[in-house]
Amino acid sequence: MSGGREYLELRCRRCSWTEVCGPEEVAAWLRKAGKVRAQGAPEWEILVEVLRATLPRLVCPDCGGEGLAAGPASDDADWPEMRNCSSCSKPIDEERLRAMPDAVLCTACQRADELGLGDREVEYCPRCGAPMRLRPTRSGGVTRYVLACTATPPCRL
């Protein structure tokens, strides 16, 4: 792939389902398959190679058949007109975009932002790569919070 912004067309081999995917959509498919970290955004070439290796295990959202095909997006492809949320990368509802054309967050992320629960940067374990979580520790009557690995069994740092 030569350009920075390329698009692929995913197709189901069994039914007529197709989807045009840019880098964000490809990353979302790979996150769903467990191949890319939640906050990870590798280069386009890496995403394409990982996607090609994962295609036989991807499931069609329409018919449920396993094994998708990918190729360059054709000019007559059904291009998505939706805008993705800048926080979670999910598509923003069409009704929300009609009511608020300048919206950059989906409803759930907007609600979380208003409640002060906005997206926090996730830290990962330096040993195994699992997400880290704050856990309380008590000693001498004082509660302290430390980052701990969420892997099973947890890594000892």
C-alpha atoms as a PDB file:
ATOM      1  CA  MET A   1       0.000   0.000   0.000  1.00  0.00           C
ATOM      2  CA  SER A   2       1.609   3.206  -1.082  1.00  0.00           C
ATOM      3  CA  GLY A   3      -0.637   5.969   0.292  1.00  0.00           C
ATOM      4  CA  GLY A   4      -1.134   6.983   3.886  1.00  0.00           C
ATOM      5  CA  ARG A   5      -4.935   6.787   3.689  1.00  0.00           C
ATOM      6  CA  GLU A   6      -5.953   3.594   1.925  1.00  0.00           C
ATOM      7  CA  TYR A   7      -9.275   1.788   2.124  1.00  0.00           C
ATOM      8  CA  LEU A   8     -10.119  -1.895   1.973  1.00  0.00           C
ATOM      9  CA  GLU A   9     -13.408  -3.542   1.151  1.00  0.00           C
ATOM     10  CA  LEU A  10     -14.311  -6.512   3.358  1.00  0.00           C
ATOM     11  CA  ARG A  11     -16.599  -9.073   1.708  1.00  0.00           C
ATOM     12  CA  CYS A  12     -18.397 -12.159   2.948  1.00  0.00           C
ATOM     13  CA  ARG A  13     -17.798 -15.219   0.804  1.00  0.00           C
ATOM     14  CA  ARG A  14     -21.284 -16.617   1.547  1.00  0.00           C
ATOM     15  CA  CYS A  15     -23.647 -13.630   1.358  1.00  0.00           C
ATOM     16  CA  SER A  16     -23.517 -10.235  -0.353  1.00  0.00           C
ATOM     17  CA  TRP A  17     -22.341  -8.270   2.726  1.00  0.00           C
ATOM     18  CA  THR A  18     -19.572  -5.717   2.124  1.00  0.00           C
ATOM     19  CA  GLU A  19     -18.016  -2.942   4.192  1.00  0.00           C
ATOM     20  CA  VAL A  20     -15.509  -0.270   3.186  1.00  0.00           C
ATOM     21  CA  CYS A  21     -12.913   0.086   5.947  1.00  0.00           C
ATOM     22  CA  GLY A  22     -10.340   2.762   6.593  1.00  0.00           C
ATOM     23  CA  PRO A  23      -7.633   2.530   9.256  1.00  0.00           C
ATOM     24  CA  GLU A  24     -10.040   3.131  12.161  1.00  0.00           C
ATOM     25  CA  GLU A  25     -12.506   0.471  11.018  1.00  0.00           C
ATOM     26  CA  VAL A  26      -9.739  -2.080  10.334  1.00  0.00           C
ATOM     27  CA  ALA A  27      -8.341  -1.429  13.832  1.00  0.00           C
ATOM     28  CA  ALA A  28     -11.851  -1.923  15.278  1.00  0.00           C
ATOM     29  CA  TRP A  29     -12.193  -5.309  13.509  1.00  0.00           C
ATOM     30  CA  LEU A  30      -8.772  -6.357  14.831  1.00  0.00           C
ATOM     31  CA  ARG A  31      -9.599  -5.168  18.370  1.00  0.00           C
ATOM     32  CA  LYS A  32     -12.758  -7.275  18.253  1.00  0.00           C
ATOM     33  CA  ALA A  33     -10.635 -10.272  17.187  1.00  0.00           C
ATOM     34  CA  GLY A  34      -8.137  -9.582  20.003  1.00  0.00           C
ATOM     35  CA  LYS A  35      -5.228  -8.792  17.686  1.00  0.00           C
ATOM     36  CA  VAL A  36      -4.725  -5.091  18.542  1.00  0.00           C
ATOM     37  CA  ARG A  37      -4.698  -3.424  21.948  1.00  0.00           C
ATOM     38  CA  ALA A  38      -7.651  -1.254  22.889  1.00  0.00           C
ATOM     39  CA  GLN A  39      -5.680   1.985  22.589  1.00  0.00           C
ATOM     40  CA  GLY A  40      -3.213   0.753  19.971  1.00  0.00           C
ATOM     41  CA  ALA A  41      -3.087   2.262  16.509  1.00  0.00           C
ATOM     42  CA  PRO A  42      -0.291   0.655  14.462  1.00  0.00           C
ATOM     43  CA  GLU A  43       0.739   1.851  11.015  1.00  0.00           C
ATOM     44  CA  TRP A  44      -1.567   1.094   8.083  1.00  0.00           C
ATOM     45  CA  GLU A  45       0.771  -1.491   6.537  1.00  0.00           C
ATOM     46  CA  ILE A  46       0.925  -3.439   9.810  1.00  0.00           C
ATOM     47  CA  LEU A  47      -2.868  -3.279  10.194  1.00  0.00           C
ATOM     48  CA  VAL A  48      -3.312  -4.674   6.682  1.00  0.00           C
ATOM     49  CA  GLU A  49      -0.907  -7.571   7.272  1.00  0.00           C
ATOM     50  CA  VAL A  50      -2.523  -8.500  10.597  1.00  0.00           C
ATOM     51  CA  LEU A  51      -5.980  -8.224   9.004  1.00  0.00           C
ATOM     52  CA  ARG A  52      -4.982 -10.531   6.113  1.00  0.00           C
ATOM     53  CA  ALA A  53      -3.737 -13.121   8.618  1.00  0.00           C
ATOM     54  CA  THR A  54      -6.955 -12.822  10.652  1.00  0.00           C
ATOM     55  CA  LEU A  55      -9.482 -12.848   7.752  1.00  0.00           C
ATOM     56  CA  PRO A  56     -10.197 -16.623   7.887  1.00  0.00           C
ATOM     57  CA  ARG A  57     -11.378 -16.259  11.509  1.00  0.00           C
ATOM     58  CA  LEU A  58     -13.502 -13.104  11.110  1.00  0.00           C
ATOM     59  CA  VAL A  59     -17.273 -13.594  11.220  1.00  0.00           C
ATOM     60  CA  CYS A  60     -19.770 -11.924   8.868  1.00  0.00           C
ATOM     61  CA  PRO A  61     -22.185  -9.678  10.809  1.00  0.00           C
ATOM     62  CA  ASP A  62     -25.065 -10.575   8.447  1.00  0.00           C
ATOM     63  CA  CYS A  63     -24.973 -14.341   7.938  1.00  0.00           C
ATOM     64  CA  GLY A  64     -22.590 -15.360  10.740  1.00  0.00           C
ATOM     65  CA  GLY A  65     -20.349 -17.216   8.291  1.00  0.00           C
ATOM     66  CA  GLU A  66     -16.678 -17.463   9.167  1.00  0.00           C
ATOM     67  CA  GLY A  67     -14.021 -16.299   6.754  1.00  0.00           C
ATOM     68  CA  LEU A  68     -14.083 -12.886   5.101  1.00  0.00           C
ATOM     69  CA  ALA A  69     -12.221 -11.672   2.013  1.00  0.00           C
ATOM     70  CA  ALA A  70     -10.538  -8.294   1.618  1.00  0.00           C
ATOM     71  CA  GLY A  71      -9.429  -6.280  -1.350  1.00  0.00           C
ATOM     72  CA  PRO A  72      -8.996  -2.695  -2.438  1.00  0.00           C
ATOM     73  CA  ALA A  73     -12.189  -0.675  -2.240  1.00  0.00           C
ATOM     74  CA  SER A  74     -13.841  -0.265  -5.615  1.00  0.00           C
ATOM     75  CA  ASP A  75     -15.101   3.069  -6.885  1.00  0.00           C
ATOM     76  CA  ASP A  76     -18.726   1.902  -6.771  1.00  0.00           C
ATOM     77  CA  ALA A  77     -18.415   0.597  -3.199  1.00  0.00           C
ATOM     78  CA  ASP A  78     -20.939   1.633  -0.573  1.00  0.00           C
ATOM     79  CA  TRP A  79     -18.839   4.326   1.126  1.00  0.00           C
ATOM     80  CA  PRO A  80     -19.774   5.106   4.724  1.00  0.00           C
ATOM     81  CA  GLU A  81     -21.230   8.561   5.279  1.00  0.00           C
ATOM     82  CA  MET A  82     -21.069   8.351   9.063  1.00  0.00           C
ATOM     83  CA  ARG A  83     -18.578  10.066  11.319  1.00  0.00           C
ATOM     84  CA  ASN A  84     -16.759   8.115  14.025  1.00  0.00           C
ATOM     85  CA  CYS A  85     -16.541   9.160  17.673  1.00  0.00           C
ATOM     86  CA  SER A  86     -13.200  10.798  18.455  1.00  0.00           C
ATOM     87  CA  SER A  87     -13.030   8.939  21.781  1.00  0.00           C
ATOM     88  CA  CYS A  88     -14.145   5.335  21.151  1.00  0.00           C
ATOM     89  CA  SER A  89     -14.027   5.251  17.292  1.00  0.00           C
ATOM     90  CA  LYS A  90     -17.561   3.837  17.052  1.00  0.00           C
ATOM     91  CA  PRO A  91     -19.948   5.406  14.509  1.00  0.00           C
ATOM     92  CA  ILE A  92     -21.987   8.349  15.796  1.00  0.00           C
ATOM     93  CA  ASP A  93     -25.747   7.762  15.490  1.00  0.00           C
ATOM     94  CA  GLU A  94     -27.377   9.340  12.452  1.00  0.00           C
ATOM     95  CA  GLU A  95     -30.069  10.972  14.624  1.00  0.00           C
ATOM     96  CA  ARG A  96     -27.401  12.624  16.794  1.00  0.00           C
ATOM     97  CA  LEU A  97     -25.613  13.982  13.720  1.00  0.00           C
ATOM     98  CA  ARG A  98     -28.894  15.381  12.365  1.00  0.00           C
ATOM     99  CA  ALA A  99     -29.599  17.112  15.683  1.00  0.00           C
ATOM    100  CA  MET A 100     -25.983  18.208  16.280  1.00  0.00           C
ATOM    101  CA  PRO A 101     -24.022  18.333  12.994  1.00  0.00           C
ATOM    102  CA  ASP A 102     -20.782  19.361  14.745  1.00  0.00           C
ATOM    103  CA  ALA A 103     -20.829  16.454  17.236  1.00  0.00           C
ATOM    104  CA  VAL A 104     -17.503  14.649  17.590  1.00  0.00           C
ATOM    105  CA  LEU A 105     -18.519  12.289  20.425  1.00  0.00           C
ATOM    106  CA  CYS A 106     -21.124   9.525  20.455  1.00  0.00           C
ATOM    107  CA  THR A 107     -23.912   9.649  23.024  1.00  0.00           C
ATOM    108  CA  ALA A 108     -22.192   7.312  25.506  1.00  0.00           C
ATOM    109  CA  CYS A 109     -18.859   9.147  25.370  1.00  0.00           C
ATOM    110  CA  GLN A 110     -20.598  12.539  25.632  1.00  0.00           C
ATOM    111  CA  ARG A 111     -22.473  11.345  28.738  1.00  0.00           C
ATOM    112  CA  ALA A 112     -19.241  10.015  30.275  1.00  0.00           C
ATOM    113  CA  ASP A 113     -17.483  13.288  29.473  1.00  0.00           C
ATOM    114  CA  GLU A 114     -20.244  15.318  31.124  1.00  0.00           C
ATOM    115  CA  LEU A 115     -20.040  13.133  34.240  1.00  0.00           C
ATOM    116  CA  GLY A 116     -16.263  13.604  34.391  1.00  0.00           C
ATOM    117  CA  LEU A 117     -15.573   9.979  33.529  1.00  0.00           C
ATOM    118  CA  GLY A 118     -13.853  10.799  30.218  1.00  0.00           C
ATOM    119  CA  ASP A 119     -11.424   8.400  28.630  1.00  0.00           C
ATOM    120  CA  ARG A 120      -8.303   7.859  30.680  1.00  0.00           C
ATOM    121  CA  GLU A 121      -5.046   6.635  29.216  1.00  0.00           C
ATOM    122  CA  VAL A 122      -4.742   2.904  29.895  1.00  0.00           C
ATOM    123  CA  GLU A 123      -1.377   1.722  31.166  1.00  0.00           C
ATOM    124  CA  TYR A 124      -0.092  -1.719  30.260  1.00  0.00           C
ATOM    125  CA  CYS A 125       2.109  -4.142  32.185  1.00  0.00           C
ATOM    126  CA  PRO A 126       5.741  -3.825  31.059  1.00  0.00           C
ATOM    127  CA  ARG A 127       6.218  -7.594  31.448  1.00  0.00           C
ATOM    128  CA  CYS A 128       3.177  -9.183  29.774  1.00  0.00           C
ATOM    129  CA  GLY A 129       1.261  -6.303  28.132  1.00  0.00           C
ATOM    130  CA  ALA A 130      -1.986  -6.807  30.115  1.00  0.00           C
ATOM    131  CA  PRO A 131      -3.877  -3.686  31.256  1.00  0.00           C
ATOM    132  CA  MET A 132      -2.926  -2.321  34.680  1.00  0.00           C
ATOM    133  CA  ARG A 133      -5.522  -1.426  37.328  1.00  0.00           C
ATOM    134  CA  LEU A 134      -5.358   0.612  40.529  1.00  0.00           C
ATOM    135  CA  ARG A 135      -5.684  -1.649  43.564  1.00  0.00           C
ATOM    136  CA  PRO A 136      -5.827  -0.620  47.227  1.00  0.00           C
ATOM    137  CA  THR A 137      -3.159  -1.828  49.665  1.00  0.00           C
ATOM    138  CA  ARG A 138      -3.422  -1.358  53.405  1.00  0.00           C
ATOM    139  CA  SER A 139      -0.534  -1.166  55.794  1.00  0.00           C
ATOM    140  CA  GLY A 140      -0.368   0.504  59.162  1.00  0.00           C
ATOM    141  CA  GLY A 141      -3.947   1.727  58.890  1.00  0.00           C
ATOM    142  CA  VAL A 142      -3.204   3.702  55.729  1.00  0.00           C
ATOM    143  CA  THR A 143      -4.742   2.849  52.372  1.00  0.00           C
ATOM    144  CA  ARG A 144      -2.531   3.346  49.351  1.00  0.00           C
ATOM    145  CA  TYR A 145      -3.273   2.665  45.714  1.00  0.00           C
ATOM    146  CA  VAL A 146      -0.783   0.915  43.433  1.00  0.00           C
ATOM    147  CA  LEU A 147      -0.890  -0.137  39.799  1.00  0.00           C
ATOM    148  CA  ALA A 148      -1.205  -3.910  39.493  1.00  0.00           C
ATOM    149  CA  CYS A 149      -1.275  -6.260  36.512  1.00  0.00           C
ATOM    150  CA  THR A 150      -4.698  -7.721  35.605  1.00  0.00           C
ATOM    151  CA  ALA A 151      -3.302 -10.876  33.972  1.00  0.00           C
ATOM    152  CA  THR A 152      -4.083 -14.266  35.519  1.00  0.00           C
ATOM    153  CA  PRO A 153      -1.835 -14.945  37.396  1.00  0.00           C
ATOM    154  CA  PRO A 154      -0.687 -11.346  37.851  1.00  0.00           C
ATOM    155  CA  CYS A 155       2.896 -10.391  37.117  1.00  0.00           C
ATOM    156  CA  ARG A 156       4.979  -9.267  40.067  1.00  0.00           C
ATOM    157  CA  LEU A 157       6.630  -5.968  39.343  1.00  0.00           C
END
